[in-house]
């Protein structure tokens, strides 16, 4: 059970990191345009 829970937490963290990375890339692109 603990491994499954930690696995879900890792997936959630990975999703959050991916979302943050996308927003950061968008910010960089927006700044590059400006």
Protein backbone atom coordinates (compact mmCIF):
# COMPACT_ATOMS: atom_id res chain seq x y z
CA UNK A 1 0.00 0.00 0.00
CA UNK A 2 2.77 2.44 0.90
CA UNK A 3 4.52 1.88 -2.41
CA UNK A 4 1.31 2.51 -4.34
CA UNK A 5 0.67 5.73 -2.42
CA UNK A 6 4.23 6.97 -2.93
CA UNK A 7 3.96 6.06 -6.60
CA UNK A 8 0.85 8.21 -6.93
CA UNK A 9 2.62 11.05 -5.14
CA UNK A 10 5.53 10.78 -7.57
CA UNK A 11 3.11 10.88 -10.51
CA UNK A 12 1.40 13.94 -9.07
CA UNK A 13 4.77 15.65 -8.57
CA UNK A 14 5.79 14.75 -12.13
CA UNK A 15 2.54 16.23 -13.47
CA UNK A 16 3.08 19.39 -11.45
CA UNK A 17 6.67 19.69 -12.69
CA UNK A 18 5.53 19.22 -16.29
CA UNK A 19 2.86 21.90 -15.89
CA UNK A 20 5.36 24.28 -14.27
CA UNK A 21 7.93 23.57 -16.99
CA UNK A 22 5.34 24.37 -19.66
CA UNK A 23 4.37 27.65 -18.02
CA UNK A 24 8.05 28.58 -17.61
CA UNK A 25 8.71 27.86 -21.29
CA UNK A 26 5.68 29.98 -22.21
CA UNK A 27 6.98 32.82 -20.03
CA UNK A 28 10.41 32.59 -21.70
CA UNK A 29 8.80 32.67 -25.15
CA UNK A 30 6.61 35.62 -24.15
CA UNK A 31 9.65 37.53 -22.85
CA UNK A 32 11.57 36.66 -26.03
CA UNK A 33 8.75 38.16 -28.11
CA UNK A 34 8.71 41.31 -26.01
